Each structure stands twice: as C-alpha cells, then as structure tokens.
C-alpha cells in the first residue's frame, strides 16, 4: 500500500529474468506499433535487445553472459515468430482504470492488447514459464477476467474479448474467448476483497507458502516466521 521499493537483488532470480523478457517484448511491440508497416516484427528486434540489456542491469541480474544471451534469444525468437500488424496494437503495458456503480475504483495494466476483428480484441499476458494453462483454465482466470472487464468499460465498441497467455520460452500462445459473465465474476471477487480490506485495521501478517518466495517477507514477518518459511 505504501509502495515500499523492493531490493531487486532479493527478488527471486527467475522472477527478475521474467521481468527482463517482459521489458524486451514491451520495447519490441512499441517499436512495431510506431513504425511497423507489415505483420513482420523482425525489424523491432534490435530495439528489444537493447531494452533487455538495460533491464538486465536495472534488475541487478548476475554478471552471466550466457544467461543474458538466453534472455536475448527468447525475446528475439518470440518477435521473429510473431505475426501482428502494427496498427492492430491497441496497447502495450496498457493501463486501465474504471469505476463501478458504487464507486469502487479498479485498475490494471495489460501486457498487450490487440484488435482481433471488427469489435473484437485479444488481451494477452506474457508468461515466462514452460508450464502452460489450458483454454478452459484461461476462461476462469481471475486476472484476465478483470482485464476484460476493464477493457469493456474503456472501449464501448468492444463486443468480443479473447484472453490469452503468451509463452515466449515456448513461442506459443494459448487463447480462448471470454464471456461477459466471466468478467463480471472477476469483478465480484475484487469487490469482495475490497470490502475485506476496507474493514481491516490491523493488517496482520497471514503467513503462507507464498512467503518463501516473497521479496517483502522480511518486512512483515518476525524472525520465527521467517525461519519457518525457509525450512524445507
């Protein structure tokens, strides 16, 4: 809540590697949106590689040329095998903000939003992992559902929404149509969580398995709990 900056070197390295890949893809898609004249994104690779190198330093990644080269290959291969017209890119790291009828303010940033047809969009989230989710799982994904709700609030012309996970390590995209009902269900989850947060005046730590990989664990857990989460 207080936007406490996290020491990047303390964040799990595979998370930071994912951030580096995200930054490279973001730069590549922005370049293609601005100057691309065909569906081929190869021209954007040099810009994307430069962003990867800048992000590598910003994320306090190790001085490991082989790992840096791997990040560059992942980004370059992903852009080289993607076909997308620049004019169809509606947003890169697109920040959405909307308000519900009762005044609940909802916001979120989407990795990539593209026009997929007349009155249709695809919301794409980059996942730097080799574990893929099925189309059925995406249809019930809370994050993607909320993004879909925000997009519909922002663009009244949207009639159809497809949600997708893009896996740059695998050079593949898993996608599925998302019904309006699923987006409303995601909004209900946000509404319920907001009500709980609004009533909470103590903000006591609630330790769980996630603490073992949380960069903020030392800020909210005492030494006993921290030791417990590090146990095998």
Protein backbone atom coordinates (compact mmCIF):
# COMPACT_ATOMS: atom_id res chain seq x y z
CA UNK A 1 0.00 0.00 0.00
CA UNK A 2 2.87 2.35 0.77
CA UNK A 3 4.73 1.44 -2.44
CA UNK A 4 7.80 0.33 -0.50
CA UNK A 5 10.53 -0.29 -3.08
CA UNK A 6 11.82 -3.84 -3.12
CA UNK A 7 15.57 -4.52 -3.26
CA UNK A 8 15.75 -6.13 -6.68
CA UNK A 9 18.64 -8.41 -5.77
CA UNK A 10 16.42 -10.02 -3.10
CA UNK A 11 13.65 -10.87 -5.58
CA UNK A 12 13.86 -14.47 -6.87
CA UNK A 13 16.12 -14.51 -9.91
CA UNK A 14 13.62 -16.30 -12.15
CA UNK A 15 11.11 -13.51 -11.46
CA UNK A 16 13.68 -10.91 -12.47
CA UNK A 17 14.51 -12.92 -15.59
CA UNK A 18 10.81 -12.78 -16.45
CA UNK A 19 10.81 -9.01 -15.95
CA UNK A 20 13.76 -8.68 -18.32
CA UNK A 21 11.93 -10.65 -21.01
CA UNK A 22 8.80 -8.55 -20.45
CA UNK A 23 10.78 -5.32 -20.94
CA UNK A 24 12.31 -6.61 -24.15
CA UNK A 25 8.96 -7.63 -25.58
CA UNK A 26 7.41 -4.34 -24.49
CA UNK A 27 10.08 -2.36 -26.34
CA UNK A 28 9.72 -4.53 -29.43
CA UNK A 29 5.94 -4.22 -29.61
CA UNK A 30 6.08 -0.47 -29.04
CA UNK A 31 8.60 -0.13 -31.85
CA UNK A 32 6.42 -2.19 -34.17
CA UNK A 33 3.31 -0.21 -33.26
CA UNK A 34 5.06 3.06 -34.05
CA UNK A 35 6.90 2.20 -37.28
CA UNK A 36 5.87 -1.29 -38.39
CA UNK A 37 4.39 -1.44 -41.89
CA UNK A 38 3.77 -5.19 -42.16
CA UNK A 39 2.95 -8.10 -39.86
CA UNK A 40 6.65 -8.99 -39.51
CA UNK A 41 8.27 -7.86 -36.24
CA UNK A 42 11.88 -8.70 -37.08
CA UNK A 43 12.71 -5.03 -37.58
CA UNK A 44 11.95 -4.42 -33.87
CA UNK A 45 14.47 -6.97 -32.56
CA UNK A 46 17.44 -4.56 -32.16
CA UNK A 47 15.29 -2.20 -30.08
CA UNK A 48 14.07 -5.12 -27.99
CA UNK A 49 17.59 -6.44 -27.39
CA UNK A 50 18.75 -3.02 -26.21
CA UNK A 51 15.86 -2.99 -23.73
CA UNK A 52 16.82 -6.46 -22.50
CA UNK A 53 20.37 -5.28 -21.75
CA UNK A 54 19.15 -2.15 -19.97
CA UNK A 55 16.69 -4.17 -17.90
CA UNK A 56 19.37 -6.76 -17.08
CA UNK A 57 21.33 -4.05 -15.27
CA UNK A 58 18.25 -2.45 -13.70
CA UNK A 59 17.12 -5.81 -12.29
CA UNK A 60 20.53 -6.49 -10.70
CA UNK A 61 20.89 -9.69 -12.69
CA UNK A 62 24.14 -11.67 -12.31
CA UNK A 63 27.15 -10.98 -14.50
CA UNK A 64 26.47 -14.06 -16.58
CA UNK A 65 26.88 -13.59 -20.36
CA UNK A 66 25.23 -16.93 -21.10
CA UNK A 67 22.07 -16.08 -19.16
CA UNK A 68 21.92 -12.63 -20.73
CA UNK A 69 22.31 -14.22 -24.17
CA UNK A 70 19.48 -16.61 -23.30
CA UNK A 71 17.17 -13.70 -22.46
CA UNK A 72 18.10 -12.04 -25.74
CA UNK A 73 17.39 -15.24 -27.69
CA UNK A 74 14.00 -15.68 -26.04
CA UNK A 75 12.91 -12.16 -26.92
CA UNK A 76 14.35 -12.21 -30.44
CA UNK A 77 12.81 -15.61 -31.26
CA UNK A 78 9.42 -14.56 -29.90
CA UNK A 79 9.32 -11.41 -32.02
CA UNK A 80 10.65 -13.22 -35.08
CA UNK A 81 7.87 -15.82 -34.93
CA UNK A 82 5.02 -13.41 -34.16
CA UNK A 83 2.82 -12.04 -36.92
CA UNK A 84 0.94 -8.90 -35.98
CA UNK A 85 0.15 -5.68 -37.80
CA UNK A 86 1.40 -2.60 -36.01
CA UNK A 87 -1.89 -0.77 -36.45
CA UNK A 88 -3.68 -3.58 -34.62
CA UNK A 89 -1.72 -2.99 -31.41
CA UNK A 90 -4.07 -1.08 -29.13
CA UNK A 91 -1.88 -1.09 -26.07
CA UNK A 92 1.48 -2.23 -24.71
CA UNK A 93 1.59 -2.33 -20.91
CA UNK A 94 -1.79 -0.62 -21.30
CA UNK A 95 -3.01 0.82 -18.01
CA UNK A 96 -6.76 0.65 -17.50
CA UNK A 97 -8.80 2.40 -14.83
CA UNK A 98 -12.56 2.25 -14.30
CA UNK A 99 -15.09 2.79 -11.55
CA UNK A 100 -18.05 0.64 -10.59
CA UNK A 101 -21.55 1.99 -9.97
CA UNK A 102 -20.90 2.07 -6.21
CA UNK A 103 -17.63 3.98 -6.60
CA UNK A 104 -15.08 1.15 -6.39
CA UNK A 105 -12.05 2.17 -8.41
CA UNK A 106 -10.45 -0.71 -10.32
CA UNK A 107 -7.18 -0.57 -12.24
CA UNK A 108 -4.82 -2.92 -14.03
CA UNK A 109 -2.03 -3.00 -16.60
CA UNK A 110 -2.21 -5.40 -19.55
CA UNK A 111 0.94 -6.65 -21.28
CA UNK A 112 -0.54 -6.46 -24.79
CA UNK A 113 -3.94 -5.61 -26.27
CA UNK A 114 -4.57 -6.15 -29.97
CA UNK A 115 -7.51 -5.70 -32.30
CA UNK A 116 -8.51 -9.16 -33.49
CA UNK A 117 -11.51 -8.24 -35.65
CA UNK A 118 -14.42 -5.88 -36.02
CA UNK A 119 -15.48 -5.07 -32.47
CA UNK A 120 -13.11 -7.72 -31.12
CA UNK A 121 -9.92 -7.57 -29.05
CA UNK A 122 -7.40 -10.00 -27.65
CA UNK A 123 -5.90 -9.42 -24.21
CA UNK A 124 -2.51 -11.09 -24.00
CA UNK A 125 -0.44 -11.73 -20.87
CA UNK A 126 3.21 -12.80 -21.21
CA UNK A 127 4.17 -15.78 -19.04
CA UNK A 128 7.88 -16.59 -18.87
CA UNK A 129 7.41 -20.22 -17.86
CA UNK A 130 7.33 -23.62 -19.51
CA UNK A 131 4.14 -24.54 -17.69
CA UNK A 132 1.14 -23.77 -19.86
CA UNK A 133 -2.50 -23.44 -18.93
CA UNK A 134 -5.39 -24.84 -20.93
CA UNK A 135 -8.00 -22.69 -22.70
CA UNK A 136 -10.56 -23.81 -20.11
CA UNK A 137 -8.30 -22.61 -17.31
CA UNK A 138 -7.86 -19.23 -19.02
CA UNK A 139 -11.63 -18.85 -19.26
CA UNK A 140 -11.77 -18.85 -15.47
CA UNK A 141 -8.60 -16.83 -14.85
CA UNK A 142 -9.25 -14.01 -12.38
CA UNK A 143 -6.60 -11.63 -13.71
CA UNK A 144 -7.62 -12.00 -17.36
CA UNK A 145 -11.29 -11.70 -16.44
CA UNK A 146 -10.67 -8.44 -14.65
CA UNK A 147 -8.67 -7.12 -17.61
CA UNK A 148 -11.61 -7.98 -19.86
CA UNK A 149 -14.00 -6.06 -17.63
CA UNK A 150 -11.70 -3.02 -17.63
CA UNK A 151 -11.32 -3.11 -21.41
CA UNK A 152 -15.09 -3.22 -21.92
CA UNK A 153 -15.50 -0.23 -19.62
CA UNK A 154 -12.86 1.68 -21.54
CA UNK A 155 -13.92 0.87 -25.11
CA UNK A 156 -17.67 0.81 -25.69
CA UNK A 157 -17.17 -0.62 -29.17
CA UNK A 158 -15.79 -3.93 -27.82
CA UNK A 159 -18.27 -6.78 -28.37
CA UNK A 160 -15.97 -9.81 -28.23
CA UNK A 161 -12.98 -10.45 -25.98
CA UNK A 162 -10.39 -13.19 -26.31
CA UNK A 163 -7.90 -13.73 -23.49
CA UNK A 164 -4.52 -15.32 -24.00
CA UNK A 165 -1.30 -16.37 -22.34
CA UNK A 166 1.78 -15.84 -24.46
CA UNK A 167 4.67 -18.18 -23.58
CA UNK A 168 7.85 -16.70 -25.11
CA UNK A 169 10.01 -19.59 -23.87
CA UNK A 170 7.83 -21.95 -25.91
CA UNK A 171 6.98 -19.49 -28.71
CA UNK A 172 3.31 -20.28 -28.36
CA UNK A 173 0.04 -18.60 -27.41
CA UNK A 174 -2.90 -20.24 -25.65
CA UNK A 175 -6.15 -18.34 -26.12
CA UNK A 176 -9.88 -18.64 -25.51
CA UNK A 177 -12.99 -16.46 -25.87
CA UNK A 178 -14.16 -14.88 -22.61
CA UNK A 179 -17.83 -14.35 -21.91
CA UNK A 180 -19.05 -11.20 -20.19
CA UNK A 181 -20.26 -13.32 -17.25
CA UNK A 182 -16.69 -14.41 -16.51
CA UNK A 183 -15.56 -10.78 -16.43
CA UNK A 184 -18.38 -9.92 -14.02
CA UNK A 185 -17.35 -12.83 -11.77
CA UNK A 186 -13.81 -11.44 -11.63
CA UNK A 187 -15.18 -8.04 -10.69
CA UNK A 188 -17.20 -9.62 -7.88
CA UNK A 189 -14.01 -11.13 -6.48
CA UNK A 190 -12.38 -7.71 -6.47
CA UNK A 191 -15.43 -6.19 -4.82
CA UNK A 192 -15.43 -8.83 -2.07
CA UNK A 193 -11.70 -8.42 -1.46
CA UNK A 194 -12.05 -4.64 -1.30
CA UNK A 195 -14.73 -4.93 1.37
CA UNK A 196 -12.48 -7.18 3.48
CA UNK A 197 -9.53 -4.81 3.07
CA UNK A 198 -11.64 -1.80 3.94
CA UNK A 199 -12.66 -3.41 7.24
CA UNK A 200 -9.11 -4.44 8.15
CA UNK A 201 -7.39 -2.00 10.52
CA UNK A 202 -4.57 -4.24 11.74
CA UNK A 203 -3.05 -5.63 8.52
CA UNK A 204 -1.57 -8.52 10.48
CA UNK A 205 0.71 -10.91 8.57
CA UNK A 206 -1.00 -14.03 7.28
CA UNK A 207 1.89 -16.43 6.64
CA UNK A 208 1.55 -18.95 3.86
CA UNK A 209 3.63 -20.87 1.33
CA UNK A 210 3.95 -17.74 -0.81
CA UNK A 211 6.14 -16.15 1.89
CA UNK A 212 9.04 -18.37 0.84
CA UNK A 213 9.38 -16.50 -2.46
CA UNK A 214 8.16 -13.04 -1.43
CA UNK A 215 10.66 -10.20 -1.58
CA UNK A 216 8.73 -8.38 1.16
CA UNK A 217 8.68 -11.24 3.68
CA UNK A 218 11.30 -9.62 5.92
CA UNK A 219 9.13 -6.52 6.24
CA UNK A 220 6.09 -8.28 7.67
CA UNK A 221 7.27 -11.49 9.32
CA UNK A 222 9.19 -11.84 12.59
CA UNK A 223 12.33 -13.95 12.77
CA UNK A 224 10.47 -17.08 13.88
CA UNK A 225 8.02 -16.99 10.99
CA UNK A 226 10.77 -16.15 8.52
CA UNK A 227 12.81 -19.16 9.67
CA UNK A 228 9.73 -21.37 9.36
CA UNK A 229 9.10 -20.37 5.73
CA UNK A 230 12.72 -21.17 4.84
CA UNK A 231 12.51 -24.70 6.21
CA UNK A 232 12.46 -27.48 3.56
